[in-house]
Amino acid sequence: MQKVIVTPAEVEKIAKLANLPLSSQETAMFADQFSATVNVINQLNEVDTASVPATYQVTGLSNVTREDLVDTSRILSQEVALREAEFTHDGFFVVSRVIDTDTTESVI
């Protein structure tokens, strides 16, 4: 099995993509931890599981569901739900736009 080494430069790139500020100590620590994690996964990939049957769930439970009942005592009518709203239109709340599409910034 070939050991995988994640470099601090790779960690910095991942941190930049995730918009995470990291100190140099954190970068070195994460590089070591990522390397160890990938190496453990590589060890698991080498285990021969050809004779092991697939296991899809282990609890023995099957189709655990509940009946979908509507509790009408907990439902607001549309009129009640909208009566305190400052702005409505055709039975919907009207709110200010919260997504600004003009600021598209790429981190790559």
PDB file of N, CA and C in Angstrom:
ATOM      1  N   MET A   1       0.837  -1.182   0.000  1.00  0.00           N
ATOM      2  CA  MET A   1       0.000   0.000   0.000  1.00  0.00           C
ATOM      3  C   MET A   1       0.880   1.243   0.000  1.00  0.00           C
ATOM      4  N   GLN A   2       0.551   2.165  -0.864  1.00  0.00           N
ATOM      5  CA  GLN A   2       1.308   3.398  -0.959  1.00  0.00           C
ATOM      6  C   GLN A   2       0.725   4.422   0.009  1.00  0.00           C
ATOM      7  N   LYS A   3       1.593   5.013   0.824  1.00  0.00           N
ATOM      8  CA  LYS A   3       1.155   6.031   1.777  1.00  0.00           C
ATOM      9  C   LYS A   3       0.806   7.316   1.023  1.00  0.00           C
ATOM     10  N   VAL A   4      -0.285   7.937   1.433  1.00  0.00           N
ATOM     11  CA  VAL A   4      -0.701   9.200   0.841  1.00  0.00           C
ATOM     12  C   VAL A   4      -0.282  10.316   1.781  1.00  0.00           C
ATOM     13  N   ILE A   5       0.324  11.345   1.233  1.00  0.00           N
ATOM     14  CA  ILE A   5       0.716  12.499   2.037  1.00  0.00           C
ATOM     15  C   ILE A   5      -0.009  13.718   1.483  1.00  0.00           C
ATOM     16  N   VAL A   6      -0.846  14.308   2.315  1.00  0.00           N
ATOM     17  CA  VAL A   6      -1.541  15.538   1.945  1.00  0.00           C
ATOM     18  C   VAL A   6      -0.645  16.687   2.375  1.00  0.00           C
ATOM     19  N   THR A   7      -0.319  17.551   1.440  1.00  0.00           N
ATOM     20  CA  THR A   7       0.604  18.645   1.720  1.00  0.00           C
ATOM     21  C   THR A   7      -0.137  19.846   2.301  1.00  0.00           C
ATOM     22  N   PRO A   8       0.582  20.691   3.031  1.00  0.00           N
ATOM     23  CA  PRO A   8      -0.033  21.922   3.527  1.00  0.00           C
ATOM     24  C   PRO A   8      -0.585  22.802   2.394  1.00  0.00           C
ATOM     25  N   ALA A   9       0.051  22.760   1.227  1.00  0.00           N
ATOM     26  CA  ALA A   9      -0.455  23.543   0.093  1.00  0.00           C
ATOM     27  C   ALA A   9      -1.829  23.044  -0.341  1.00  0.00           C
ATOM     28  N   GLU A  10      -2.019  21.723  -0.310  1.00  0.00           N
ATOM     29  CA  GLU A  10      -3.329  21.161  -0.653  1.00  0.00           C
ATOM     30  C   GLU A  10      -4.380  21.549   0.388  1.00  0.00           C
ATOM     31  N   VAL A  11      -3.985  21.553   1.647  1.00  0.00           N
ATOM     32  CA  VAL A  11      -4.906  21.970   2.706  1.00  0.00           C
ATOM     33  C   VAL A  11      -5.282  23.432   2.528  1.00  0.00           C
ATOM     34  N   GLU A  12      -4.312  24.266   2.187  1.00  0.00           N
ATOM     35  CA  GLU A  12      -4.595  25.693   1.959  1.00  0.00           C
ATOM     36  C   GLU A  12      -5.573  25.873   0.804  1.00  0.00           C
ATOM     37  N   LYS A  13      -5.424  25.071  -0.252  1.00  0.00           N
ATOM     38  CA  LYS A  13      -6.337  25.156  -1.392  1.00  0.00           C
ATOM     39  C   LYS A  13      -7.752  24.746  -0.979  1.00  0.00           C
ATOM     40  N   ILE A  14      -7.863  23.661  -0.213  1.00  0.00           N
ATOM     41  CA  ILE A  14      -9.170  23.207   0.274  1.00  0.00           C
ATOM     42  C   ILE A  14      -9.785  24.264   1.170  1.00  0.00           C
ATOM     43  N   ALA A  15      -8.979  24.846   2.052  1.00  0.00           N
ATOM     44  CA  ALA A  15      -9.478  25.879   2.964  1.00  0.00           C
ATOM     45  C   ALA A  15      -9.963  27.102   2.187  1.00  0.00           C
ATOM     46  N   LYS A  16      -9.242  27.458   1.135  1.00  0.00           N
ATOM     47  CA  LYS A  16      -9.656  28.604   0.323  1.00  0.00           C
ATOM     48  C   LYS A  16     -10.984  28.305  -0.372  1.00  0.00           C
ATOM     49  N   LEU A  17     -11.140  27.094  -0.912  1.00  0.00           N
ATOM     50  CA  LEU A  17     -12.392  26.714  -1.571  1.00  0.00           C
ATOM     51  C   LEU A  17     -13.552  26.707  -0.587  1.00  0.00           C
ATOM     52  N   ALA A  18     -13.286  26.332   0.665  1.00  0.00           N
ATOM     53  CA  ALA A  18     -14.326  26.283   1.693  1.00  0.00           C
ATOM     54  C   ALA A  18     -14.459  27.610   2.427  1.00  0.00           C
ATOM     55  N   ASN A  19     -13.657  28.599   2.034  1.00  0.00           N
ATOM     56  CA  ASN A  19     -13.675  29.924   2.647  1.00  0.00           C
ATOM     57  C   ASN A  19     -13.417  29.823   4.151  1.00  0.00           C
ATOM     58  N   LEU A  20     -12.395  29.022   4.516  1.00  0.00           N
ATOM     59  CA  LEU A  20     -12.022  28.840   5.918  1.00  0.00           C
ATOM     60  C   LEU A  20     -10.640  29.441   6.157  1.00  0.00           C
ATOM     61  N   PRO A  21     -10.553  30.428   7.005  1.00  0.00           N
ATOM     62  CA  PRO A  21      -9.227  30.962   7.322  1.00  0.00           C
ATOM     63  C   PRO A  21      -8.497  30.012   8.269  1.00  0.00           C
ATOM     64  N   LEU A  22      -7.288  29.620   7.913  1.00  0.00           N
ATOM     65  CA  LEU A  22      -6.499  28.702   8.737  1.00  0.00           C
ATOM     66  C   LEU A  22      -5.141  29.307   9.047  1.00  0.00           C
ATOM     67  N   SER A  23      -4.684  29.099  10.268  1.00  0.00           N
ATOM     68  CA  SER A  23      -3.328  29.506  10.623  1.00  0.00           C
ATOM     69  C   SER A  23      -2.351  28.468  10.060  1.00  0.00           C
ATOM     70  N   SER A  24      -1.072  28.794  10.101  1.00  0.00           N
ATOM     71  CA  SER A  24      -0.078  27.838   9.592  1.00  0.00           C
ATOM     72  C   SER A  24      -0.047  26.582  10.457  1.00  0.00           C
ATOM     73  N   GLN A  25      -0.283  26.734  11.775  1.00  0.00           N
ATOM     74  CA  GLN A  25      -0.331  25.571  12.663  1.00  0.00           C
ATOM     75  C   GLN A  25      -1.510  24.673  12.306  1.00  0.00           C
ATOM     76  N   GLU A  26      -2.681  25.285  12.049  1.00  0.00           N
ATOM     77  CA  GLU A  26      -3.862  24.507  11.678  1.00  0.00           C
ATOM     78  C   GLU A  26      -3.652  23.807  10.346  1.00  0.00           C
ATOM     79  N   THR A  27      -3.019  24.504   9.411  1.00  0.00           N
ATOM     80  CA  THR A  27      -2.753  23.912   8.103  1.00  0.00           C
ATOM     81  C   THR A  27      -1.879  22.671   8.238  1.00  0.00           C
ATOM     82  N   ALA A  28      -0.833  22.762   9.030  1.00  0.00           N
ATOM     83  CA  ALA A  28       0.057  21.604   9.239  1.00  0.00           C
ATOM     84  C   ALA A  28      -0.681  20.475   9.948  1.00  0.00           C
ATOM     85  N   MET A  29      -1.488  20.819  10.960  1.00  0.00           N
ATOM     86  CA  MET A  29      -2.225  19.805  11.705  1.00  0.00           C
ATOM     87  C   MET A  29      -3.215  19.085  10.786  1.00  0.00           C
ATOM     88  N   PHE A  30      -3.965  19.861   9.970  1.00  0.00           N
ATOM     89  CA  PHE A  30      -4.944  19.248   9.075  1.00  0.00           C
ATOM     90  C   PHE A  30      -4.267  18.410   7.998  1.00  0.00           C
ATOM     91  N   ALA A  31      -3.108  18.828   7.532  1.00  0.00           N
ATOM     92  CA  ALA A  31      -2.385  18.029   6.533  1.00  0.00           C
ATOM     93  C   ALA A  31      -2.058  16.660   7.108  1.00  0.00           C
ATOM     94  N   ASP A  32      -1.574  16.630   8.354  1.00  0.00           N
ATOM     95  CA  ASP A  32      -1.269  15.345   9.004  1.00  0.00           C
ATOM     96  C   ASP A  32      -2.535  14.520   9.199  1.00  0.00           C
ATOM     97  N   GLN A  33      -3.613  15.158   9.658  1.00  0.00           N
ATOM     98  CA  GLN A  33      -4.859  14.440   9.918  1.00  0.00           C
ATOM     99  C   GLN A  33      -5.480  13.913   8.619  1.00  0.00           C
ATOM    100  N   PHE A  34      -5.468  14.718   7.569  1.00  0.00           N
ATOM    101  CA  PHE A  34      -6.004  14.264   6.275  1.00  0.00           C
ATOM    102  C   PHE A  34      -5.198  13.077   5.758  1.00  0.00           C
ATOM    103  N   SER A  35      -3.881  13.159   5.876  1.00  0.00           N
ATOM    104  CA  SER A  35      -3.023  12.058   5.428  1.00  0.00           C
ATOM    105  C   SER A  35      -3.353  10.781   6.182  1.00  0.00           C
ATOM    106  N   ALA A  36      -3.492  10.888   7.503  1.00  0.00           N
ATOM    107  CA  ALA A  36      -3.809   9.708   8.315  1.00  0.00           C
ATOM    108  C   ALA A  36      -5.165   9.136   7.934  1.00  0.00           C
ATOM    109  N   THR A  37      -6.149   9.999   7.709  1.00  0.00           N
ATOM    110  CA  THR A  37      -7.490   9.538   7.343  1.00  0.00           C
ATOM    111  C   THR A  37      -7.481   8.809   6.007  1.00  0.00           C
ATOM    112  N   VAL A  38      -6.827   9.377   5.014  1.00  0.00           N
ATOM    113  CA  VAL A  38      -6.767   8.746   3.691  1.00  0.00           C
ATOM    114  C   VAL A  38      -6.039   7.411   3.774  1.00  0.00           C
ATOM    115  N   ASN A  39      -5.005   7.327   4.585  1.00  0.00           N
ATOM    116  CA  ASN A  39      -4.264   6.076   4.717  1.00  0.00           C
ATOM    117  C   ASN A  39      -5.091   5.001   5.401  1.00  0.00           C
ATOM    118  N   VAL A  40      -5.912   5.363   6.379  1.00  0.00           N
ATOM    119  CA  VAL A  40      -6.811   4.388   7.006  1.00  0.00           C
ATOM    120  C   VAL A  40      -7.836   3.896   5.987  1.00  0.00           C
ATOM    121  N   ILE A  41      -8.373   4.794   5.190  1.00  0.00           N
ATOM    122  CA  ILE A  41      -9.339   4.399   4.154  1.00  0.00           C
ATOM    123  C   ILE A  41      -8.678   3.456   3.153  1.00  0.00           C
ATOM    124  N   ASN A  42      -7.437   3.741   2.794  1.00  0.00           N
ATOM    125  CA  ASN A  42      -6.714   2.848   1.873  1.00  0.00           C
ATOM    126  C   ASN A  42      -6.510   1.468   2.484  1.00  0.00           C
ATOM    127  N   GLN A  43      -6.254   1.398   3.795  1.00  0.00           N
ATOM    128  CA  GLN A  43      -6.138   0.100   4.462  1.00  0.00           C
ATOM    129  C   GLN A  43      -7.459  -0.654   4.398  1.00  0.00           C
ATOM    130  N   LEU A  44      -8.562   0.036   4.628  1.00  0.00           N
ATOM    131  CA  LEU A  44      -9.875  -0.604   4.570  1.00  0.00           C
ATOM    132  C   LEU A  44     -10.180  -1.109   3.163  1.00  0.00           C
ATOM    133  N   ASN A  45      -9.713  -0.383   2.150  1.00  0.00           N
ATOM    134  CA  ASN A  45      -9.949  -0.801   0.768  1.00  0.00           C
ATOM    135  C   ASN A  45      -9.197  -2.081   0.422  1.00  0.00           C
ATOM    136  N   GLU A  46      -8.154  -2.412   1.166  1.00  0.00           N
ATOM    137  CA  GLU A  46      -7.375  -3.616   0.897  1.00  0.00           C
ATOM    138  C   GLU A  46      -7.955  -4.865   1.543  1.00  0.00           C
ATOM    139  N   VAL A  47      -8.924  -4.719   2.431  1.00  0.00           N
ATOM    140  CA  VAL A  47      -9.522  -5.867   3.115  1.00  0.00           C
ATOM    141  C   VAL A  47     -10.372  -6.645   2.117  1.00  0.00           C
ATOM    142  N   ASP A  48     -10.181  -7.970   2.091  1.00  0.00           N
ATOM    143  CA  ASP A  48     -10.944  -8.826   1.180  1.00  0.00           C
ATOM    144  C   ASP A  48     -12.347  -9.050   1.756  1.00  0.00           C
ATOM    145  N   THR A  49     -13.327  -8.491   1.096  1.00  0.00           N
ATOM    146  CA  THR A  49     -14.723  -8.623   1.550  1.00  0.00           C
ATOM    147  C   THR A  49     -15.564  -9.408   0.551  1.00  0.00           C
ATOM    148  N   ALA A  50     -14.926 -10.139  -0.334  1.00  0.00           N
ATOM    149  CA  ALA A  50     -15.650 -10.862  -1.384  1.00  0.00           C
ATOM    150  C   ALA A  50     -16.615 -11.892  -0.802  1.00  0.00           C
ATOM    151  N   SER A  51     -16.246 -12.518   0.321  1.00  0.00           N
ATOM    152  CA  SER A  51     -17.098 -13.569   0.885  1.00  0.00           C
ATOM    153  C   SER A  51     -18.075 -13.039   1.939  1.00  0.00           C
ATOM    154  N   VAL A  52     -18.095 -11.752   2.154  1.00  0.00           N
ATOM    155  CA  VAL A  52     -18.978 -11.151   3.159  1.00  0.00           C
ATOM    156  C   VAL A  52     -20.258 -10.686   2.462  1.00  0.00           C
ATOM    157  N   PRO A  53     -21.411 -11.164   2.939  1.00  0.00           N
ATOM    158  CA  PRO A  53     -22.656 -10.719   2.297  1.00  0.00           C
ATOM    159  C   PRO A  53     -22.918  -9.239   2.575  1.00  0.00           C
ATOM    160  N   ALA A  54     -23.548  -8.601   1.633  1.00  0.00           N
ATOM    161  CA  ALA A  54     -23.860  -7.176   1.771  1.00  0.00           C
ATOM    162  C   ALA A  54     -24.855  -6.973   2.908  1.00  0.00           C
ATOM    163  N   THR A  55     -24.651  -5.926   3.672  1.00  0.00           N
ATOM    164  CA  THR A  55     -25.561  -5.580   4.758  1.00  0.00           C
ATOM    165  C   THR A  55     -26.124  -4.202   4.467  1.00  0.00           C
ATOM    166  N   TYR A  56     -27.443  -4.133   4.359  1.00  0.00           N
ATOM    167  CA  TYR A  56     -28.060  -2.864   4.020  1.00  0.00           C
ATOM    168  C   TYR A  56     -28.588  -2.149   5.243  1.00  0.00           C
ATOM    169  N   GLN A  57     -28.979  -2.884   6.260  1.00  0.00           N
ATOM    170  CA  GLN A  57     -29.361  -2.288   7.531  1.00  0.00           C
ATOM    171  C   GLN A  57     -29.204  -3.344   8.600  1.00  0.00           C
ATOM    172  N   VAL A  58     -28.952  -2.909   9.812  1.00  0.00           N
ATOM    173  CA  VAL A  58     -28.571  -3.857  10.850  1.00  0.00           C
ATOM    174  C   VAL A  58     -29.527  -3.895  12.035  1.00  0.00           C
ATOM    175  N   THR A  59     -30.591  -3.121  12.016  1.00  0.00           N
ATOM    176  CA  THR A  59     -31.475  -3.060  13.175  1.00  0.00           C
ATOM    177  C   THR A  59     -32.564  -4.114  13.154  1.00  0.00           C
ATOM    178  N   GLY A  60     -32.839  -4.706  11.988  1.00  0.00           N
ATOM    179  CA  GLY A  60     -33.910  -5.676  11.882  1.00  0.00           C
ATOM    180  C   GLY A  60     -35.278  -5.038  11.719  1.00  0.00           C
ATOM    181  N   LEU A  61     -35.316  -3.727  11.706  1.00  0.00           N
ATOM    182  CA  LEU A  61     -36.589  -3.038  11.547  1.00  0.00           C
ATOM    183  C   LEU A  61     -36.953  -2.941  10.071  1.00  0.00           C
ATOM    184  N   SER A  62     -38.230  -2.948   9.806  1.00  0.00           N
ATOM    185  CA  SER A  62     -38.676  -2.885   8.424  1.00  0.00           C
ATOM    186  C   SER A  62     -39.852  -1.936   8.304  1.00  0.00           C
ATOM    187  N   ASN A  63     -39.740  -0.962   7.417  1.00  0.00           N
ATOM    188  CA  ASN A  63     -40.824  -0.029   7.125  1.00  0.00           C
ATOM    189  C   ASN A  63     -41.437   0.574   8.388  1.00  0.00           C
ATOM    190  N   VAL A  64     -40.611   1.182   9.193  1.00  0.00           N
ATOM    191  CA  VAL A  64     -41.106   1.820  10.407  1.00  0.00           C
ATOM    192  C   VAL A  64     -41.655   3.186  10.011  1.00  0.00           C
ATOM    193  N   THR A  65     -42.963   3.268   9.986  1.00  0.00           N
ATOM    194  CA  THR A  65     -43.617   4.518   9.611  1.00  0.00           C
ATOM    195  C   THR A  65     -44.797   4.758  10.536  1.00  0.00           C
ATOM    196  N   ARG A  66     -45.345   5.914  10.440  1.00  0.00           N
ATOM    197  CA  ARG A  66     -46.556   6.219  11.175  1.00  0.00           C
ATOM    198  C   ARG A  66     -47.601   6.691  10.180  1.00  0.00           C
ATOM    199  N   GLU A  67     -48.837   6.573  10.558  1.00  0.00           N
ATOM    200  CA  GLU A  67     -49.904   7.035   9.696  1.00  0.00           C
ATOM    201  C   GLU A  67     -49.830   8.558   9.611  1.00  0.00           C
ATOM    202  N   ASP A  68     -49.990   9.084   8.437  1.00  0.00           N
ATOM    203  CA  ASP A  68     -49.906  10.520   8.217  1.00  0.00           C
ATOM    204  C   ASP A  68     -51.273  11.138   8.487  1.00  0.00           C
ATOM    205  N   LEU A  69     -51.439  11.634   9.708  1.00  0.00           N
ATOM    206  CA  LEU A  69     -52.705  12.233  10.096  1.00  0.00           C
ATOM    207  C   LEU A  69     -52.542  13.739  10.228  1.00  0.00           C
ATOM    208  N   VAL A  70     -53.531  14.475   9.793  1.00  0.00           N
ATOM    209  CA  VAL A  70     -53.517  15.926   9.892  1.00  0.00           C
ATOM    210  C   VAL A  70     -54.233  16.320  11.174  1.00  0.00           C
ATOM    211  N   ASP A  71     -53.566  17.089  12.023  1.00  0.00           N
ATOM    212  CA  ASP A  71     -54.168  17.599  13.252  1.00  0.00           C
ATOM    213  C   ASP A  71     -54.744  18.971  12.935  1.00  0.00           C
ATOM    214  N   THR A  72     -56.009  19.008  12.630  1.00  0.00           N
ATOM    215  CA  THR A  72     -56.643  20.256  12.201  1.00  0.00           C
ATOM    216  C   THR A  72     -56.675  21.307  13.295  1.00  0.00           C
ATOM    217  N   SER A  73     -56.482  20.912  14.546  1.00  0.00           N
ATOM    218  CA  SER A  73     -56.477  21.902  15.626  1.00  0.00           C
ATOM    219  C   SER A  73     -55.188  22.723  15.632  1.00  0.00           C
ATOM    220  N   ARG A  74     -54.174  22.283  14.880  1.00  0.00           N
ATOM    221  CA  ARG A  74     -52.887  22.983  14.848  1.00  0.00           C
ATOM    222  C   ARG A  74     -52.652  23.713  13.526  1.00  0.00           C
ATOM    223  N   ILE A  75     -53.661  23.790  12.691  1.00  0.00           N
ATOM    224  CA  ILE A  75     -53.497  24.394  11.371  1.00  0.00           C
ATOM    225  C   ILE A  75     -54.090  25.801  11.375  1.00  0.00           C
ATOM    226  N   LEU A  76     -53.343  26.748  10.842  1.00  0.00           N
ATOM    227  CA  LEU A  76     -53.857  28.100  10.668  1.00  0.00           C
ATOM    228  C   LEU A  76     -54.517  28.204   9.302  1.00  0.00           C
ATOM    229  N   SER A  77     -55.607  28.898   9.259  1.00  0.00           N
ATOM    230  CA  SER A  77     -56.202  29.170   7.952  1.00  0.00           C
ATOM    231  C   SER A  77     -55.318  30.193   7.246  1.00  0.00           C
ATOM    232  N   GLN A  78     -55.465  30.298   5.949  1.00  0.00           N
ATOM    233  CA  GLN A  78     -54.653  31.243   5.192  1.00  0.00           C
ATOM    234  C   GLN A  78     -54.932  32.668   5.642  1.00  0.00           C
ATOM    235  N   GLU A  79     -56.177  32.962   5.947  1.00  0.00           N
ATOM    236  CA  GLU A  79     -56.519  34.302   6.386  1.00  0.00           C
ATOM    237  C   GLU A  79     -55.829  34.640   7.709  1.00  0.00           C
ATOM    238  N   VAL A  80     -55.859  33.696   8.653  1.00  0.00           N
ATOM    239  CA  VAL A  80     -55.225  33.932   9.949  1.00  0.00           C
ATOM    240  C   VAL A  80     -53.717  34.073   9.786  1.00  0.00           C
ATOM    241  N   ALA A  81     -53.109  33.232   8.970  1.00  0.00           N
ATOM    242  CA  ALA A  81     -51.661  33.266   8.774  1.00  0.00           C
ATOM    243  C   ALA A  81     -51.213  34.583   8.152  1.00  0.00           C
ATOM    244  N   LEU A  82     -52.021  35.144   7.278  1.00  0.00           N
ATOM    245  CA  LEU A  82     -51.633  36.353   6.550  1.00  0.00           C
ATOM    246  C   LEU A  82     -52.132  37.648   7.178  1.00  0.00           C
ATOM    247  N   ARG A  83     -52.985  37.585   8.176  1.00  0.00           N
ATOM    248  CA  ARG A  83     -53.647  38.816   8.632  1.00  0.00           C
ATOM    249  C   ARG A  83     -52.701  39.823   9.265  1.00  0.00           C
ATOM    250  N   GLU A  84     -51.582  39.426   9.827  1.00  0.00           N
ATOM    251  CA  GLU A  84     -50.640  40.372  10.428  1.00  0.00           C
ATOM    252  C   GLU A  84     -49.510  40.758   9.470  1.00  0.00           C
ATOM    253  N   ALA A  85     -49.507  40.199   8.277  1.00  0.00           N
ATOM    254  CA  ALA A  85     -48.441  40.502   7.319  1.00  0.00           C
ATOM    255  C   ALA A  85     -48.605  41.915   6.795  1.00  0.00           C
ATOM    256  N   GLU A  86     -47.478  42.590   6.655  1.00  0.00           N
ATOM    257  CA  GLU A  86     -47.526  43.966   6.149  1.00  0.00           C
ATOM    258  C   GLU A  86     -47.884  43.986   4.667  1.00  0.00           C
ATOM    259  N   PHE A  87     -47.306  43.057   3.893  1.00  0.00           N
ATOM    260  CA  PHE A  87     -47.583  43.005   2.465  1.00  0.00           C
ATOM    261  C   PHE A  87     -47.945  41.582   2.057  1.00  0.00           C
ATOM    262  N   THR A  88     -49.004  41.429   1.293  1.00  0.00           N
ATOM    263  CA  THR A  88     -49.399  40.138   0.737  1.00  0.00           C
ATOM    264  C   THR A  88     -49.807  40.341  -0.710  1.00  0.00           C
ATOM    265  N   HIS A  89     -49.805  39.239  -1.460  1.00  0.00           N
ATOM    266  CA  HIS A  89     -50.239  39.284  -2.856  1.00  0.00           C
ATOM    267  C   HIS A  89     -50.762  37.900  -3.224  1.00  0.00           C
ATOM    268  N   ASP A  90     -51.996  37.819  -3.636  1.00  0.00           N
ATOM    269  CA  ASP A  90     -52.626  36.567  -4.060  1.00  0.00           C
ATOM    270  C   ASP A  90     -52.445  35.442  -3.039  1.00  0.00           C
ATOM    271  N   GLY A  91     -52.569  35.762  -1.758  1.00  0.00           N
ATOM    272  CA  GLY A  91     -52.491  34.742  -0.722  1.00  0.00           C
ATOM    273  C   GLY A  91     -51.087  34.358  -0.301  1.00  0.00           C
ATOM    274  N   PHE A  92     -50.083  35.150  -0.658  1.00  0.00           N
ATOM    275  CA  PHE A  92     -48.697  34.862  -0.291  1.00  0.00           C
ATOM    276  C   PHE A  92     -48.116  36.047   0.458  1.00  0.00           C
ATOM    277  N   PHE A  93     -47.094  35.781   1.282  1.00  0.00           N
ATOM    278  CA  PHE A  93     -46.344  36.852   1.919  1.00  0.00           C
ATOM    279  C   PHE A  93     -45.477  37.522   0.872  1.00  0.00           C
ATOM    280  N   VAL A  94     -45.330  38.824   0.945  1.00  0.00           N
ATOM    281  CA  VAL A  94     -44.424  39.558   0.069  1.00  0.00           C
ATOM    282  C   VAL A  94     -43.302  40.086   0.956  1.00  0.00           C
ATOM    283  N   VAL A  95     -42.068  39.722   0.608  1.00  0.00           N
ATOM    284  CA  VAL A  95     -40.903  40.147   1.381  1.00  0.00           C
ATOM    285  C   VAL A  95     -39.872  40.765   0.455  1.00  0.00           C
ATOM    286  N   SER A  96     -38.948  41.501   1.048  1.00  0.00           N
ATOM    287  CA  SER A  96     -37.881  42.117   0.255  1.00  0.00           C
ATOM    288  C   SER A  96     -36.958  41.036  -0.285  1.00  0.00           C
ATOM    289  N   ARG A  97     -36.372  41.296  -1.416  1.00  0.00           N
ATOM    290  CA  ARG A  97     -35.422  40.368  -2.018  1.00  0.00           C
ATOM    291  C   ARG A  97     -34.188  40.258  -1.125  1.00  0.00           C
ATOM    292  N   VAL A  98     -33.714  39.031  -0.869  1.00  0.00           N
ATOM    293  CA  VAL A  98     -32.554  38.835   0.003  1.00  0.00           C
ATOM    294  C   VAL A  98     -31.347  38.275  -0.744  1.00  0.00           C
ATOM    295  N   ILE A  99     -31.500  37.953  -2.010  1.00  0.00           N
ATOM    296  CA  ILE A  99     -30.397  37.409  -2.802  1.00  0.00           C
ATOM    297  C   ILE A  99     -29.887  38.495  -3.721  1.00  0.00           C
ATOM    298  N   ASP A 100     -28.605  38.769  -3.639  1.00  0.00           N
ATOM    299  CA  ASP A 100     -27.994  39.781  -4.492  1.00  0.00           C
ATOM    300  C   ASP A 100     -27.232  39.063  -5.596  1.00  0.00           C
ATOM    301  N   THR A 101     -27.748  39.113  -6.802  1.00  0.00           N
ATOM    302  CA  THR A 101     -27.116  38.379  -7.908  1.00  0.00           C
ATOM    303  C   THR A 101     -26.000  39.181  -8.570  1.00  0.00           C
ATOM    304  N   ASP A 102     -25.815  40.436  -8.175  1.00  0.00           N
ATOM    305  CA  ASP A 102     -24.779  41.254  -8.801  1.00  0.00           C
ATOM    306  C   ASP A 102     -23.395  40.952  -8.270  1.00  0.00           C
ATOM    307  N   THR A 103     -23.296  40.371  -7.093  1.00  0.00           N
ATOM    308  CA  THR A 103     -21.979  40.094  -6.513  1.00  0.00           C
ATOM    309  C   THR A 103     -21.677  38.608  -6.635  1.00  0.00           C
ATOM    310  N   THR A 104     -21.151  38.216  -7.775  1.00  0.00           N
ATOM    311  CA  THR A 104     -20.730  36.831  -7.985  1.00  0.00           C
ATOM    312  C   THR A 104     -19.215  36.800  -7.916  1.00  0.00           C
ATOM    313  N   GLU A 105     -18.683  36.131  -6.937  1.00  0.00           N
ATOM    314  CA  GLU A 105     -17.251  36.074  -6.737  1.00  0.00           C
ATOM    315  C   GLU A 105     -16.789  34.626  -6.770  1.00  0.00           C
ATOM    316  N   SER A 106     -15.780  34.354  -7.517  1.00  0.00           N
ATOM    317  CA  SER A 106     -15.241  32.999  -7.596  1.00  0.00           C
ATOM    318  C   SER A 106     -14.046  32.879  -6.676  1.00  0.00           C
ATOM    319  N   VAL A 107     -13.980  31.769  -5.945  1.00  0.00           N
ATOM    320  CA  VAL A 107     -12.843  31.559  -5.035  1.00  0.00           C
ATOM    321  C   VAL A 107     -11.769  30.687  -5.668  1.00  0.00           C
ATOM    322  N   ILE A 108     -11.992  30.238  -6.862  1.00  0.00           N
ATOM    323  CA  ILE A 108     -11.013  29.356  -7.507  1.00  0.00           C
ATOM    324  C   ILE A 108      -9.991  30.180  -8.245  1.00  0.00           C
TER     325      ILE A 108
END
